């Protein structure tokens, strides 16, 4: 890329290099910053900021010093921790679609591992115990998806070959391509039907604490609750009560608090499987993130509407 003066370049900060992004006009100056180390240049030049993955809030803290900034592109699906830092006049976009495959894979992995008792087998292996016995299968189960955005649909794509029945719930009711999508208000009558409940909602005022004692109390005995959404969607003390008495199972990729302190009772709660918020941390992330960044930059440079706008100018 030819050397450009600050006045002539369209400055983009990104965790990806211009070579990785590819197919950029000569007047776009991509400066690489992954959220660690020194800043790649003066903040006052930045117009488009691809926030570093897992350090997005640290990036947003810099935006008040970016007077030319027009777009902040997150690499996470949830942006609940960024909205309070968004400057006036800046468009915030999320990464809808980037984490669908990876998070859906993990949701299915947690579900199958919990049902089939994989943690028990792993714990028994060092001592050579042969833990034969019948375990629940996913086949013939009723799975309730609480959240039916792009990740929820990707989870359903992977569930259906396992011969289970899927019930879909979203913020508002609608008719989906595979059948009805129920409203959140219908959860009280739907929860008792489910053998597995997979929570995939964004964290909002409406969903914070959604999975509380009442929610868990309506789940059938022996049911499994899987959370791949955000930790505060679940009331931790209420969940501890439900699994502690042996009535429910839980599989969690996210917790409240997070990271979960070593002494926290969730680590030792019966029937509970925990992964350390790794739904998006996988090899599927980078190619999908790069495709999104390419599209968004092309739209921005061409004056076209951006995808995945969450807040800010239309």
C-alpha atoms as a PDB file:
ATOM      1  CA  UNK A   1       0.000   0.000   0.000  1.00  0.00           C
ATOM      2  CA  UNK A   2       1.360   3.406  -0.942  1.00  0.00           C
ATOM      3  CA  UNK A   3       2.433   5.765   1.837  1.00  0.00           C
ATOM      4  CA  UNK A   4      -0.358   8.228   2.593  1.00  0.00           C
ATOM      5  CA  UNK A   5      -0.479  11.417   4.570  1.00  0.00           C
ATOM      6  CA  UNK A   6      -2.779  11.579   7.583  1.00  0.00           C
ATOM      7  CA  UNK A   7      -4.957  14.104   5.779  1.00  0.00           C
ATOM      8  CA  UNK A   8      -5.543  11.904   2.710  1.00  0.00           C
ATOM      9  CA  UNK A   9      -5.981   8.489   4.337  1.00  0.00           C
ATOM     10  CA  UNK A  10      -9.178   6.929   5.652  1.00  0.00           C
ATOM     11  CA  UNK A  11      -7.816   5.597   8.925  1.00  0.00           C
ATOM     12  CA  UNK A  12      -9.084   2.246  10.205  1.00  0.00           C
ATOM     13  CA  UNK A  13      -7.977   0.601  13.434  1.00  0.00           C
ATOM     14  CA  UNK A  14      -8.371  -3.158  13.417  1.00  0.00           C
ATOM     15  CA  UNK A  15      -6.934  -6.278  15.055  1.00  0.00           C
ATOM     16  CA  UNK A  16      -6.523  -7.571  11.479  1.00  0.00           C
ATOM     17  CA  UNK A  17      -3.945  -6.248   9.029  1.00  0.00           C
ATOM     18  CA  UNK A  18      -4.759  -4.796   5.607  1.00  0.00           C
ATOM     19  CA  UNK A  19      -3.300  -7.956   4.069  1.00  0.00           C
ATOM     20  CA  UNK A  20      -5.606 -10.164   6.128  1.00  0.00           C
ATOM     21  CA  UNK A  21      -8.662  -8.055   5.280  1.00  0.00           C
ATOM     22  CA  UNK A  22      -7.716  -7.714   1.605  1.00  0.00           C
ATOM     23  CA  UNK A  23      -9.354  -5.915  -1.312  1.00  0.00           C
ATOM     24  CA  UNK A  24      -9.112  -2.395   0.143  1.00  0.00           C
ATOM     25  CA  UNK A  25      -8.768   0.869  -1.765  1.00  0.00           C
ATOM     26  CA  UNK A  26      -5.360   2.540  -1.713  1.00  0.00           C
ATOM     27  CA  UNK A  27      -6.631   5.418   0.407  1.00  0.00           C
ATOM     28  CA  UNK A  28      -7.522   3.165   3.356  1.00  0.00           C
ATOM     29  CA  UNK A  29      -4.838   3.098   6.044  1.00  0.00           C
ATOM     30  CA  UNK A  30      -5.311   0.069   8.320  1.00  0.00           C
ATOM     31  CA  UNK A  31      -3.441   0.322  11.604  1.00  0.00           C
ATOM     32  CA  UNK A  32      -3.281  -2.891  13.603  1.00  0.00           C
ATOM     33  CA  UNK A  33      -4.176  -2.868  17.298  1.00  0.00           C
ATOM     34  CA  UNK A  34      -5.271  -5.950  19.214  1.00  0.00           C
ATOM     35  CA  UNK A  35      -6.006  -4.176  22.483  1.00  0.00           C
ATOM     36  CA  UNK A  36      -2.551  -4.799  23.914  1.00  0.00           C
ATOM     37  CA  UNK A  37       0.614  -2.757  23.707  1.00  0.00           C
ATOM     38  CA  UNK A  38       1.087   0.793  22.416  1.00  0.00           C
ATOM     39  CA  UNK A  39      -1.503   2.469  20.243  1.00  0.00           C
ATOM     40  CA  UNK A  40      -0.758   2.285  16.502  1.00  0.00           C
ATOM     41  CA  UNK A  41      -1.042   6.020  15.904  1.00  0.00           C
ATOM     42  CA  UNK A  42      -2.898   9.176  16.899  1.00  0.00           C
ATOM     43  CA  UNK A  43      -6.485   8.567  17.944  1.00  0.00           C
ATOM     44  CA  UNK A  44      -7.773  11.758  16.318  1.00  0.00           C
ATOM     45  CA  UNK A  45      -7.387  10.240  12.825  1.00  0.00           C
ATOM     46  CA  UNK A  46      -9.541   7.142  13.343  1.00  0.00           C
ATOM     47  CA  UNK A  47     -12.810   6.925  11.376  1.00  0.00           C
ATOM     48  CA  UNK A  48     -13.588   3.191  11.553  1.00  0.00           C
ATOM     49  CA  UNK A  49     -12.657   1.127  14.613  1.00  0.00           C
ATOM     50  CA  UNK A  50     -12.838  -2.666  14.613  1.00  0.00           C
ATOM     51  CA  UNK A  51     -12.817  -3.286  18.343  1.00  0.00           C
ATOM     52  CA  UNK A  52     -10.385  -5.996  19.471  1.00  0.00           C
ATOM     53  CA  UNK A  53     -12.058  -9.253  20.391  1.00  0.00           C
ATOM     54  CA  UNK A  54     -12.210  -9.804  24.178  1.00  0.00           C
ATOM     55  CA  UNK A  55     -10.860  -6.269  24.718  1.00  0.00           C
ATOM     56  CA  UNK A  56     -13.712  -4.351  23.155  1.00  0.00           C
ATOM     57  CA  UNK A  57     -14.477  -2.290  26.242  1.00  0.00           C
ATOM     58  CA  UNK A  58     -10.833  -1.202  26.486  1.00  0.00           C
ATOM     59  CA  UNK A  59     -11.162  -0.047  22.893  1.00  0.00           C
ATOM     60  CA  UNK A  60     -14.401   1.808  23.559  1.00  0.00           C
ATOM     61  CA  UNK A  61     -12.694   3.720  26.363  1.00  0.00           C
ATOM     62  CA  UNK A  62     -10.531   5.340  23.678  1.00  0.00           C
ATOM     63  CA  UNK A  63     -13.419   6.576  21.550  1.00  0.00           C
ATOM     64  CA  UNK A  64     -13.918   9.953  23.304  1.00  0.00           C
ATOM     65  CA  UNK A  65     -10.491  10.847  21.888  1.00  0.00           C
ATOM     66  CA  UNK A  66     -11.541   9.929  18.329  1.00  0.00           C
ATOM     67  CA  UNK A  67     -13.373  13.008  16.983  1.00  0.00           C
ATOM     68  CA  UNK A  68     -13.534  11.600  13.424  1.00  0.00           C
ATOM     69  CA  UNK A  69     -14.880   8.206  14.475  1.00  0.00           C
ATOM     70  CA  UNK A  70     -18.018   7.166  12.609  1.00  0.00           C
ATOM     71  CA  UNK A  71     -18.201   3.377  13.094  1.00  0.00           C
ATOM     72  CA  UNK A  72     -17.317   1.055  15.978  1.00  0.00           C
ATOM     73  CA  UNK A  73     -17.503  -2.557  14.817  1.00  0.00           C
ATOM     74  CA  UNK A  74     -17.621  -5.150  17.598  1.00  0.00           C
ATOM     75  CA  UNK A  75     -16.400  -8.691  17.042  1.00  0.00           C
ATOM     76  CA  UNK A  76     -18.825 -10.052  19.632  1.00  0.00           C
ATOM     77  CA  UNK A  77     -22.508 -10.826  19.177  1.00  0.00           C
ATOM     78  CA  UNK A  78     -23.393  -9.190  22.493  1.00  0.00           C
ATOM     79  CA  UNK A  79     -22.556  -5.520  23.004  1.00  0.00           C
ATOM     80  CA  UNK A  80     -24.288  -4.991  26.356  1.00  0.00           C
ATOM     81  CA  UNK A  81     -20.991  -3.884  27.940  1.00  0.00           C
ATOM     82  CA  UNK A  82     -20.296  -1.270  25.245  1.00  0.00           C
ATOM     83  CA  UNK A  83     -23.476   0.759  24.919  1.00  0.00           C
ATOM     84  CA  UNK A  84     -22.780   3.010  27.880  1.00  0.00           C
ATOM     85  CA  UNK A  85     -19.489   4.110  26.280  1.00  0.00           C
ATOM     86  CA  UNK A  86     -20.795   4.846  22.775  1.00  0.00           C
ATOM     87  CA  UNK A  87     -20.118   8.484  21.801  1.00  0.00           C
ATOM     88  CA  UNK A  88     -22.786  10.563  20.122  1.00  0.00           C
ATOM     89  CA  UNK A  89     -22.694  10.331  16.350  1.00  0.00           C
ATOM     90  CA  UNK A  90     -20.955   6.935  16.253  1.00  0.00           C
ATOM     91  CA  UNK A  91     -22.643   3.824  14.855  1.00  0.00           C
ATOM     92  CA  UNK A  92     -22.104   0.628  16.842  1.00  0.00           C
ATOM     93  CA  UNK A  93     -22.426  -2.684  14.977  1.00  0.00           C
ATOM     94  CA  UNK A  94     -22.297  -6.155  16.462  1.00  0.00           C
ATOM     95  CA  UNK A  95     -20.894  -9.366  14.970  1.00  0.00           C
ATOM     96  CA  UNK A  96     -24.142 -11.162  14.244  1.00  0.00           C
ATOM     97  CA  UNK A  97     -23.306 -14.318  12.332  1.00  0.00           C
ATOM     98  CA  UNK A  98     -19.638 -14.496  13.273  1.00  0.00           C
ATOM     99  CA  UNK A  99     -20.153 -16.739  16.305  1.00  0.00           C
ATOM    100  CA  UNK A 100     -23.115 -18.779  15.092  1.00  0.00           C
ATOM    101  CA  UNK A 101     -21.170 -21.912  14.174  1.00  0.00           C
ATOM    102  CA  UNK A 102     -18.820 -21.947  17.155  1.00  0.00           C
ATOM    103  CA  UNK A 103     -21.432 -21.160  19.800  1.00  0.00           C
ATOM    104  CA  UNK A 104     -23.931 -23.601  18.313  1.00  0.00           C
ATOM    105  CA  UNK A 105     -21.286 -26.331  18.344  1.00  0.00           C
ATOM    106  CA  UNK A 106     -20.546 -25.659  22.000  1.00  0.00           C
ATOM    107  CA  UNK A 107     -24.236 -25.587  22.946  1.00  0.00           C
ATOM    108  CA  UNK A 108     -24.629 -29.020  21.385  1.00  0.00           C
ATOM    109  CA  UNK A 109     -21.390 -30.262  22.966  1.00  0.00           C
ATOM    110  CA  UNK A 110     -22.461 -29.182  26.456  1.00  0.00           C
ATOM    111  CA  UNK A 111     -25.893 -30.726  25.959  1.00  0.00           C
ATOM    112  CA  UNK A 112     -24.579 -34.091  24.781  1.00  0.00           C
ATOM    113  CA  UNK A 113     -21.744 -34.213  27.325  1.00  0.00           C
ATOM    114  CA  UNK A 114     -24.095 -33.507  30.204  1.00  0.00           C
ATOM    115  CA  UNK A 115     -26.803 -35.927  29.107  1.00  0.00           C
ATOM    116  CA  UNK A 116     -24.413 -38.774  28.327  1.00  0.00           C
ATOM    117  CA  UNK A 117     -22.355 -38.312  31.504  1.00  0.00           C
ATOM    118  CA  UNK A 118     -19.028 -37.485  29.841  1.00  0.00           C
ATOM    119  CA  UNK A 119     -17.691 -35.578  32.906  1.00  0.00           C
ATOM    120  CA  UNK A 120     -18.215 -38.717  35.027  1.00  0.00           C
ATOM    121  CA  UNK A 121     -16.240 -40.808  32.534  1.00  0.00           C
ATOM    122  CA  UNK A 122     -13.392 -38.278  32.474  1.00  0.00           C
ATOM    123  CA  UNK A 123     -13.190 -38.252  36.268  1.00  0.00           C
ATOM    124  CA  UNK A 124     -13.252 -42.077  36.368  1.00  0.00           C
ATOM    125  CA  UNK A 125     -10.544 -42.589  33.745  1.00  0.00           C
ATOM    126  CA  UNK A 126      -7.431 -41.932  35.905  1.00  0.00           C
ATOM    127  CA  UNK A 127      -8.521 -44.587  38.402  1.00  0.00           C
ATOM    128  CA  UNK A 128      -9.565 -47.060  35.727  1.00  0.00           C
ATOM    129  CA  UNK A 129     -13.240 -47.240  36.662  1.00  0.00           C
ATOM    130  CA  UNK A 130     -15.560 -48.792  34.058  1.00  0.00           C
ATOM    131  CA  UNK A 131     -18.773 -46.790  34.609  1.00  0.00           C
ATOM    132  CA  UNK A 132     -21.169 -48.763  32.457  1.00  0.00           C
ATOM    133  CA  UNK A 133     -24.806 -47.745  32.667  1.00  0.00           C
ATOM    134  CA  UNK A 134     -27.709 -46.339  30.715  1.00  0.00           C
ATOM    135  CA  UNK A 135     -27.663 -42.579  30.194  1.00  0.00           C
ATOM    136  CA  UNK A 136     -30.197 -40.188  28.679  1.00  0.00           C
ATOM    137  CA  UNK A 137     -29.960 -39.683  24.918  1.00  0.00           C
ATOM    138  CA  UNK A 138     -30.747 -36.464  23.097  1.00  0.00           C
ATOM    139  CA  UNK A 139     -32.904 -38.469  20.713  1.00  0.00           C
ATOM    140  CA  UNK A 140     -36.630 -38.143  21.461  1.00  0.00           C
ATOM    141  CA  UNK A 141     -36.076 -35.240  23.863  1.00  0.00           C
ATOM    142  CA  UNK A 142     -37.940 -31.924  23.734  1.00  0.00           C
ATOM    143  CA  UNK A 143     -35.464 -29.037  23.488  1.00  0.00           C
ATOM    144  CA  UNK A 144     -36.618 -25.502  24.268  1.00  0.00           C
ATOM    145  CA  UNK A 145     -34.535 -22.751  22.640  1.00  0.00           C
ATOM    146  CA  UNK A 146     -34.878 -19.547  24.659  1.00  0.00           C
ATOM    147  CA  UNK A 147     -33.600 -17.071  22.088  1.00  0.00           C
ATOM    148  CA  UNK A 148     -34.081 -17.561  18.370  1.00  0.00           C
ATOM    149  CA  UNK A 149     -31.750 -15.153  16.633  1.00  0.00           C
ATOM    150  CA  UNK A 150     -29.037 -16.302  14.266  1.00  0.00           C
ATOM    151  CA  UNK A 151     -27.245 -18.349  16.939  1.00  0.00           C
ATOM    152  CA  UNK A 152     -30.498 -19.960  18.063  1.00  0.00           C
ATOM    153  CA  UNK A 153     -31.253 -20.937  14.486  1.00  0.00           C
ATOM    154  CA  UNK A 154     -27.728 -22.352  14.123  1.00  0.00           C
ATOM    155  CA  UNK A 155     -28.287 -24.427  17.266  1.00  0.00           C
ATOM    156  CA  UNK A 156     -31.527 -25.772  15.791  1.00  0.00           C
ATOM    157  CA  UNK A 157     -29.695 -26.680  12.563  1.00  0.00           C
ATOM    158  CA  UNK A 158     -27.426 -28.926  14.601  1.00  0.00           C
ATOM    159  CA  UNK A 159     -30.128 -30.328  16.881  1.00  0.00           C
ATOM    160  CA  UNK A 160     -32.511 -31.619  14.247  1.00  0.00           C
ATOM    161  CA  UNK A 161     -30.338 -34.536  13.014  1.00  0.00           C
ATOM    162  CA  UNK A 162     -30.422 -35.861  16.589  1.00  0.00           C
ATOM    163  CA  UNK A 163     -34.120 -36.709  16.283  1.00  0.00           C
ATOM    164  CA  UNK A 164     -35.346 -34.364  18.972  1.00  0.00           C
ATOM    165  CA  UNK A 165     -38.288 -31.960  18.992  1.00  0.00           C
ATOM    166  CA  UNK A 166     -37.510 -28.241  19.126  1.00  0.00           C
ATOM    167  CA  UNK A 167     -39.632 -25.467  20.651  1.00  0.00           C
ATOM    168  CA  UNK A 168     -38.558 -21.930  19.736  1.00  0.00           C
ATOM    169  CA  UNK A 169     -38.944 -18.836  21.921  1.00  0.00           C
ATOM    170  CA  UNK A 170     -37.982 -15.253  21.105  1.00  0.00           C
ATOM    171  CA  UNK A 171     -38.854 -11.775  22.358  1.00  0.00           C
ATOM    172  CA  UNK A 172     -41.927 -11.660  20.152  1.00  0.00           C
ATOM    173  CA  UNK A 173     -44.019 -14.385  18.553  1.00  0.00           C
ATOM    174  CA  UNK A 174     -43.811 -15.017  14.821  1.00  0.00           C
ATOM    175  CA  UNK A 175     -44.076 -17.762  12.251  1.00  0.00           C
ATOM    176  CA  UNK A 176     -40.639 -19.105  11.383  1.00  0.00           C
ATOM    177  CA  UNK A 177     -39.587 -21.225   8.403  1.00  0.00           C
ATOM    178  CA  UNK A 178     -39.612 -24.350  10.601  1.00  0.00           C
ATOM    179  CA  UNK A 179     -42.699 -23.551  12.612  1.00  0.00           C
ATOM    180  CA  UNK A 180     -43.990 -21.157  15.242  1.00  0.00           C
ATOM    181  CA  UNK A 181     -41.684 -19.010  17.352  1.00  0.00           C
ATOM    182  CA  UNK A 182     -43.296 -18.332  20.715  1.00  0.00           C
ATOM    183  CA  UNK A 183     -43.023 -15.130  22.767  1.00  0.00           C
ATOM    184  CA  UNK A 184     -41.119 -14.941  26.048  1.00  0.00           C
ATOM    185  CA  UNK A 185     -44.448 -14.475  27.809  1.00  0.00           C
ATOM    186  CA  UNK A 186     -45.313 -18.072  26.893  1.00  0.00           C
ATOM    187  CA  UNK A 187     -42.384 -19.567  28.834  1.00  0.00           C
ATOM    188  CA  UNK A 188     -44.453 -20.523  31.918  1.00  0.00           C
ATOM    189  CA  UNK A 189     -46.515 -23.006  29.894  1.00  0.00           C
ATOM    190  CA  UNK A 190     -43.629 -24.182  27.678  1.00  0.00           C
ATOM    191  CA  UNK A 191     -40.957 -24.868  30.302  1.00  0.00           C
ATOM    192  CA  UNK A 192     -42.708 -27.916  31.829  1.00  0.00           C
ATOM    193  CA  UNK A 193     -42.625 -29.598  28.411  1.00  0.00           C
ATOM    194  CA  UNK A 194     -38.863 -29.380  27.920  1.00  0.00           C
ATOM    195  CA  UNK A 195     -36.223 -31.985  28.713  1.00  0.00           C
ATOM    196  CA  UNK A 196     -33.456 -29.539  27.721  1.00  0.00           C
ATOM    197  CA  UNK A 197     -33.594 -25.744  27.886  1.00  0.00           C
ATOM    198  CA  UNK A 198     -30.877 -23.896  25.924  1.00  0.00           C
ATOM    199  CA  UNK A 199     -30.617 -20.194  26.741  1.00  0.00           C
ATOM    200  CA  UNK A 200     -29.238 -18.002  23.931  1.00  0.00           C
ATOM    201  CA  UNK A 201     -30.767 -14.574  24.558  1.00  0.00           C
ATOM    202  CA  UNK A 202     -28.827 -11.289  24.549  1.00  0.00           C
ATOM    203  CA  UNK A 203     -28.369  -9.592  27.904  1.00  0.00           C
ATOM    204  CA  UNK A 204     -30.924  -6.790  28.180  1.00  0.00           C
ATOM    205  CA  UNK A 205     -33.037  -5.286  30.948  1.00  0.00           C
ATOM    206  CA  UNK A 206     -35.725  -7.770  29.943  1.00  0.00           C
ATOM    207  CA  UNK A 207     -33.511 -10.857  30.085  1.00  0.00           C
ATOM    208  CA  UNK A 208     -31.327 -10.039  33.101  1.00  0.00           C
ATOM    209  CA  UNK A 209     -32.310 -12.559  35.769  1.00  0.00           C
ATOM    210  CA  UNK A 210     -34.733 -14.283  33.381  1.00  0.00           C
ATOM    211  CA  UNK A 211     -33.677 -17.721  34.611  1.00  0.00           C
ATOM    212  CA  UNK A 212     -34.703 -17.321  38.230  1.00  0.00           C
ATOM    213  CA  UNK A 213     -36.324 -19.545  40.858  1.00  0.00           C
ATOM    214  CA  UNK A 214     -39.710 -19.317  39.131  1.00  0.00           C
ATOM    215  CA  UNK A 215     -38.249 -20.207  35.713  1.00  0.00           C
ATOM    216  CA  UNK A 216     -36.247 -23.117  37.142  1.00  0.00           C
ATOM    217  CA  UNK A 217     -39.199 -24.242  39.244  1.00  0.00           C
ATOM    218  CA  UNK A 218     -41.316 -24.706  36.108  1.00  0.00           C
ATOM    219  CA  UNK A 219     -38.729 -26.992  34.493  1.00  0.00           C
ATOM    220  CA  UNK A 220     -39.480 -30.689  34.824  1.00  0.00           C
ATOM    221  CA  UNK A 221     -37.507 -32.786  37.297  1.00  0.00           C
ATOM    222  CA  UNK A 222     -34.260 -34.034  35.764  1.00  0.00           C
ATOM    223  CA  UNK A 223     -34.244 -31.455  32.974  1.00  0.00           C
ATOM    224  CA  UNK A 224     -31.033 -29.839  31.759  1.00  0.00           C
ATOM    225  CA  UNK A 225     -30.499 -26.066  31.563  1.00  0.00           C
ATOM    226  CA  UNK A 226     -27.732 -24.950  29.166  1.00  0.00           C
ATOM    227  CA  UNK A 227     -26.572 -21.312  29.228  1.00  0.00           C
ATOM    228  CA  UNK A 228     -24.524 -20.035  26.280  1.00  0.00           C
ATOM    229  CA  UNK A 229     -25.934 -16.502  26.545  1.00  0.00           C
ATOM    230  CA  UNK A 230     -24.565 -14.246  29.300  1.00  0.00           C
ATOM    231  CA  UNK A 231     -23.993 -15.100  32.952  1.00  0.00           C
ATOM    232  CA  UNK A 232     -26.392 -12.516  34.445  1.00  0.00           C
ATOM    233  CA  UNK A 233     -29.305 -14.008  32.464  1.00  0.00           C
ATOM    234  CA  UNK A 234     -29.299 -16.666  35.199  1.00  0.00           C
ATOM    235  CA  UNK A 235     -29.729 -15.907  38.909  1.00  0.00           C
ATOM    236  CA  UNK A 236     -26.777 -17.882  40.241  1.00  0.00           C
ATOM    237  CA  UNK A 237     -28.121 -18.467  43.748  1.00  0.00           C
ATOM    238  CA  UNK A 238     -31.416 -19.759  42.350  1.00  0.00           C
ATOM    239  CA  UNK A 239     -29.566 -22.134  40.035  1.00  0.00           C
ATOM    240  CA  UNK A 240     -27.403 -23.374  42.900  1.00  0.00           C
ATOM    241  CA  UNK A 241     -30.551 -24.189  44.821  1.00  0.00           C
ATOM    242  CA  UNK A 242     -32.066 -26.143  41.924  1.00  0.00           C
ATOM    243  CA  UNK A 243     -28.976 -28.224  41.134  1.00  0.00           C
ATOM    244  CA  UNK A 244     -27.981 -28.528  44.791  1.00  0.00           C
ATOM    245  CA  UNK A 245     -31.145 -30.412  45.607  1.00  0.00           C
ATOM    246  CA  UNK A 246     -30.572 -32.670  42.592  1.00  0.00           C
ATOM    247  CA  UNK A 247     -33.711 -31.616  40.744  1.00  0.00           C
ATOM    248  CA  UNK A 248     -32.012 -30.137  37.653  1.00  0.00           C
ATOM    249  CA  UNK A 249     -28.794 -30.442  35.655  1.00  0.00           C
ATOM    250  CA  UNK A 250     -26.860 -27.442  34.347  1.00  0.00           C
ATOM    251  CA  UNK A 251     -24.254 -26.889  31.627  1.00  0.00           C
ATOM    252  CA  UNK A 252     -22.798 -23.387  31.569  1.00  0.00           C
ATOM    253  CA  UNK A 253     -20.406 -21.614  29.227  1.00  0.00           C
ATOM    254  CA  UNK A 254     -21.085 -18.334  31.039  1.00  0.00           C
ATOM    255  CA  UNK A 255     -21.479 -17.556  34.722  1.00  0.00           C
ATOM    256  CA  UNK A 256     -22.214 -14.721  37.103  1.00  0.00           C
ATOM    257  CA  UNK A 257     -19.670 -13.745  38.371  1.00  0.00           C
ATOM    258  CA  UNK A 258     -17.188 -14.268  35.552  1.00  0.00           C
ATOM    259  CA  UNK A 259     -14.489 -15.466  35.577  1.00  0.00           C
ATOM    260  CA  UNK A 260     -15.829 -17.768  38.239  1.00  0.00           C
ATOM    261  CA  UNK A 261     -13.607 -17.573  41.367  1.00  0.00           C
ATOM    262  CA  UNK A 262     -11.937 -20.878  42.318  1.00  0.00           C
ATOM    263  CA  UNK A 263     -13.811 -21.009  45.620  1.00  0.00           C
ATOM    264  CA  UNK A 264     -17.243 -20.429  44.089  1.00  0.00           C
ATOM    265  CA  UNK A 265     -19.766 -23.197  44.926  1.00  0.00           C
ATOM    266  CA  UNK A 266     -20.831 -23.555  41.275  1.00  0.00           C
ATOM    267  CA  UNK A 267     -17.581 -25.402  40.578  1.00  0.00           C
ATOM    268  CA  UNK A 268     -18.625 -28.156  42.948  1.00  0.00           C
ATOM    269  CA  UNK A 269     -22.383 -28.102  42.381  1.00  0.00           C
ATOM    270  CA  UNK A 270     -23.787 -31.560  41.576  1.00  0.00           C
ATOM    271  CA  UNK A 271     -24.864 -32.182  37.997  1.00  0.00           C
ATOM    272  CA  UNK A 272     -23.130 -29.026  36.749  1.00  0.00           C
ATOM    273  CA  UNK A 273     -20.756 -28.823  33.784  1.00  0.00           C
ATOM    274  CA  UNK A 274     -18.835 -25.557  33.292  1.00  0.00           C
ATOM    275  CA  UNK A 275     -16.768 -24.335  30.347  1.00  0.00           C
ATOM    276  CA  UNK A 276     -14.870 -21.006  30.613  1.00  0.00           C
ATOM    277  CA  UNK A 277     -16.818 -18.802  28.141  1.00  0.00           C
ATOM    278  CA  UNK A 278     -15.303 -20.406  25.052  1.00  0.00           C
ATOM    279  CA  UNK A 279     -18.337 -20.383  22.767  1.00  0.00           C
ATOM    280  CA  UNK A 280     -16.671 -17.909  20.411  1.00  0.00           C
ATOM    281  CA  UNK A 281     -13.059 -18.921  21.014  1.00  0.00           C
ATOM    282  CA  UNK A 282     -12.467 -21.395  18.204  1.00  0.00           C
ATOM    283  CA  UNK A 283     -11.024 -21.719  14.724  1.00  0.00           C
ATOM    284  CA  UNK A 284     -14.313 -20.718  13.083  1.00  0.00           C
ATOM    285  CA  UNK A 285     -14.011 -17.189  14.482  1.00  0.00           C
ATOM    286  CA  UNK A 286     -11.319 -15.524  12.370  1.00  0.00           C
ATOM    287  CA  UNK A 287     -12.512 -16.384   8.839  1.00  0.00           C
ATOM    288  CA  UNK A 288     -16.052 -15.271   9.677  1.00  0.00           C
ATOM    289  CA  UNK A 289     -14.826 -12.131  11.433  1.00  0.00           C
ATOM    290  CA  UNK A 290     -12.694 -11.208   8.427  1.00  0.00           C
ATOM    291  CA  UNK A 291     -15.624 -11.686   6.052  1.00  0.00           C
ATOM    292  CA  UNK A 292     -17.749  -9.388   8.214  1.00  0.00           C
ATOM    293  CA  UNK A 293     -15.050  -6.703   8.411  1.00  0.00           C
ATOM    294  CA  UNK A 294     -14.556  -6.803   4.621  1.00  0.00           C
ATOM    295  CA  UNK A 295     -18.287  -6.368   4.027  1.00  0.00           C
ATOM    296  CA  UNK A 296     -18.638  -3.585   6.562  1.00  0.00           C
ATOM    297  CA  UNK A 297     -15.663  -1.640   5.231  1.00  0.00           C
ATOM    298  CA  UNK A 298     -16.955  -2.004   1.678  1.00  0.00           C
ATOM    299  CA  UNK A 299     -20.361  -0.709   2.749  1.00  0.00           C
ATOM    300  CA  UNK A 300     -18.895   2.185   4.731  1.00  0.00           C
ATOM    301  CA  UNK A 301     -16.543   3.248   1.940  1.00  0.00           C
ATOM    302  CA  UNK A 302     -19.333   2.953  -0.611  1.00  0.00           C
ATOM    303  CA  UNK A 303     -21.816   4.946   1.456  1.00  0.00           C
ATOM    304  CA  UNK A 304     -24.128   1.942   1.834  1.00  0.00           C
ATOM    305  CA  UNK A 305     -26.083   1.009   4.987  1.00  0.00           C
ATOM    306  CA  UNK A 306     -24.073  -1.013   7.467  1.00  0.00           C
ATOM    307  CA  UNK A 307     -25.081  -4.476   8.670  1.00  0.00           C
ATOM    308  CA  UNK A 308     -25.867  -5.356  12.293  1.00  0.00           C
ATOM    309  CA  UNK A 309     -26.411  -1.803  13.520  1.00  0.00           C
ATOM    310  CA  UNK A 310     -27.172  -1.856  17.246  1.00  0.00           C
ATOM    311  CA  UNK A 311     -27.049   1.821  18.165  1.00  0.00           C
ATOM    312  CA  UNK A 312     -26.130   5.215  16.817  1.00  0.00           C
ATOM    313  CA  UNK A 313     -26.918   6.898  13.488  1.00  0.00           C
ATOM    314  CA  UNK A 314     -28.971   4.866  11.022  1.00  0.00           C
END
